[in-house]
Amino acid sequence: MAIVKAETFRTQTADELKAKLLELKKEQLNLRFKVASGEMENPARMRIVRREIARIKTVLGQKAAEAVNG
C-alpha cells in the first residue's frame, strides 16, 4: 500500500476521514499484535500507518477550524 498524501485526504468529507481513521487504527492494533508475536512481514507498514493517522487528524483539525472561522 502506497503512502497517501494529505491532498488526497483534503478532498474527502469529514465522515469519510473518520471512517478511514477508524480503519487505520484497527490496522495499527493488528500490526502491534503481529510485531509482538514475531510474524511481522513488513515492519515499515507500522510507520506508514502511524503517519497516515497523523495526516488524517491534521486534515480533520483544519476542516474543523475552517468551519469555526467561516
C-alpha atoms as a PDB file:
ATOM      1  CA  MET A   1       0.000   0.000   0.000  1.00  0.00           C
ATOM      2  CA  ALA A   2       1.414   3.366  -1.015  1.00  0.00           C
ATOM      3  CA  ILE A   3       1.736   6.468   1.109  1.00  0.00           C
ATOM      4  CA  VAL A   4      -1.320   8.703   0.808  1.00  0.00           C
ATOM      5  CA  LYS A   5      -0.692  12.440   0.555  1.00  0.00           C
ATOM      6  CA  ALA A   6      -2.599  14.977   2.631  1.00  0.00           C
ATOM      7  CA  GLU A   7      -4.074  16.488  -0.551  1.00  0.00           C
ATOM      8  CA  THR A   8      -5.971  13.258  -1.120  1.00  0.00           C
ATOM      9  CA  PHE A   9      -7.463  13.470   2.356  1.00  0.00           C
ATOM     10  CA  ARG A  10      -8.451  17.129   1.890  1.00  0.00           C
ATOM     11  CA  THR A  11     -10.821  16.173  -0.936  1.00  0.00           C
ATOM     12  CA  GLN A  12     -12.747  13.757   1.296  1.00  0.00           C
ATOM     13  CA  THR A  13     -15.586  14.622   3.675  1.00  0.00           C
ATOM     14  CA  ALA A  14     -15.166  14.564   7.444  1.00  0.00           C
ATOM     15  CA  ASP A  15     -17.268  11.385   7.701  1.00  0.00           C
ATOM     16  CA  GLU A  16     -15.095   9.613   5.131  1.00  0.00           C
ATOM     17  CA  LEU A  17     -11.977  10.701   7.004  1.00  0.00           C
ATOM     18  CA  LYS A  18     -13.348   9.461  10.320  1.00  0.00           C
ATOM     19  CA  ALA A  19     -14.152   6.091   8.763  1.00  0.00           C
ATOM     20  CA  LYS A  20     -10.637   5.865   7.291  1.00  0.00           C
ATOM     21  CA  LEU A  21      -9.166   6.864  10.656  1.00  0.00           C
ATOM     22  CA  LEU A  22     -11.065   4.071  12.395  1.00  0.00           C
ATOM     23  CA  GLU A  23      -9.880   1.590   9.753  1.00  0.00           C
ATOM     24  CA  LEU A  24      -6.254   2.669  10.181  1.00  0.00           C
ATOM     25  CA  LYS A  25      -6.459   2.456  13.982  1.00  0.00           C
ATOM     26  CA  LYS A  26      -7.720  -1.124  13.686  1.00  0.00           C
ATOM     27  CA  GLU A  27      -4.890  -1.940  11.287  1.00  0.00           C
ATOM     28  CA  GLN A  28      -2.399  -0.352  13.687  1.00  0.00           C
ATOM     29  CA  LEU A  29      -3.691  -2.550  16.521  1.00  0.00           C
ATOM     30  CA  ASN A  30      -3.366  -5.670  14.362  1.00  0.00           C
ATOM     31  CA  LEU A  31       0.162  -4.681  13.364  1.00  0.00           C
ATOM     32  CA  ARG A  32       1.129  -4.263  17.016  1.00  0.00           C
ATOM     33  CA  PHE A  33      -0.029  -7.809  17.706  1.00  0.00           C
ATOM     34  CA  LYS A  34       1.963  -9.095  14.745  1.00  0.00           C
ATOM     35  CA  VAL A  35       5.100  -7.342  15.991  1.00  0.00           C
ATOM     36  CA  ALA A  36       4.622  -8.807  19.476  1.00  0.00           C
ATOM     37  CA  SER A  37       4.129 -12.315  18.128  1.00  0.00           C
ATOM     38  CA  GLY A  38       7.054 -12.027  15.709  1.00  0.00           C
ATOM     39  CA  GLU A  39       5.110 -12.568  12.494  1.00  0.00           C
ATOM     40  CA  MET A  40       5.517  -9.055  11.087  1.00  0.00           C
ATOM     41  CA  GLU A  41       6.397  -9.315   7.405  1.00  0.00           C
ATOM     42  CA  ASN A  42       6.637  -5.580   6.598  1.00  0.00           C
ATOM     43  CA  PRO A  43       7.839  -3.518   9.566  1.00  0.00           C
ATOM     44  CA  ALA A  44       7.767  -0.299   7.511  1.00  0.00           C
ATOM     45  CA  ARG A  45       3.964  -0.560   7.376  1.00  0.00           C
ATOM     46  CA  MET A  46       3.762   0.491  11.057  1.00  0.00           C
ATOM     47  CA  ARG A  47       5.412   3.802  10.228  1.00  0.00           C
ATOM     48  CA  ILE A  48       3.206   4.393   7.191  1.00  0.00           C
ATOM     49  CA  VAL A  49       0.018   3.712   9.159  1.00  0.00           C
ATOM     50  CA  ARG A  50       1.115   5.973  12.010  1.00  0.00           C
ATOM     51  CA  ARG A  51       1.861   8.833   9.616  1.00  0.00           C
ATOM     52  CA  GLU A  52      -1.418   8.409   7.723  1.00  0.00           C
ATOM     53  CA  ILE A  53      -3.285   8.609  11.035  1.00  0.00           C
ATOM     54  CA  ALA A  54      -1.441  11.846  11.789  1.00  0.00           C
ATOM     55  CA  ARG A  55      -2.264  13.248   8.336  1.00  0.00           C
ATOM     56  CA  ILE A  56      -5.962  12.477   8.751  1.00  0.00           C
ATOM     57  CA  LYS A  57      -6.040  14.052  12.208  1.00  0.00           C
ATOM     58  CA  THR A  58      -4.328  17.157  10.829  1.00  0.00           C
ATOM     59  CA  VAL A  59      -6.806  17.497   7.961  1.00  0.00           C
ATOM     60  CA  LEU A  60      -9.764  16.946  10.320  1.00  0.00           C
ATOM     61  CA  GLY A  61      -8.411  19.688  12.566  1.00  0.00           C
ATOM     62  CA  GLN A  62      -8.041  22.027   9.605  1.00  0.00           C
ATOM     63  CA  LYS A  63     -11.591  21.311   8.469  1.00  0.00           C
ATOM     64  CA  ALA A  64     -12.913  21.996  11.984  1.00  0.00           C
ATOM     65  CA  ALA A  65     -11.009  25.281  12.154  1.00  0.00           C
ATOM     66  CA  GLU A  66     -12.384  26.327   8.771  1.00  0.00           C
ATOM     67  CA  ALA A  67     -15.912  25.550   9.925  1.00  0.00           C
ATOM     68  CA  VAL A  68     -15.476  27.710  13.042  1.00  0.00           C
ATOM     69  CA  ASN A  69     -13.738  30.608  11.307  1.00  0.00           C
ATOM     70  CA  GLY A  70     -16.022  30.673   8.331  1.00  0.00           C
END
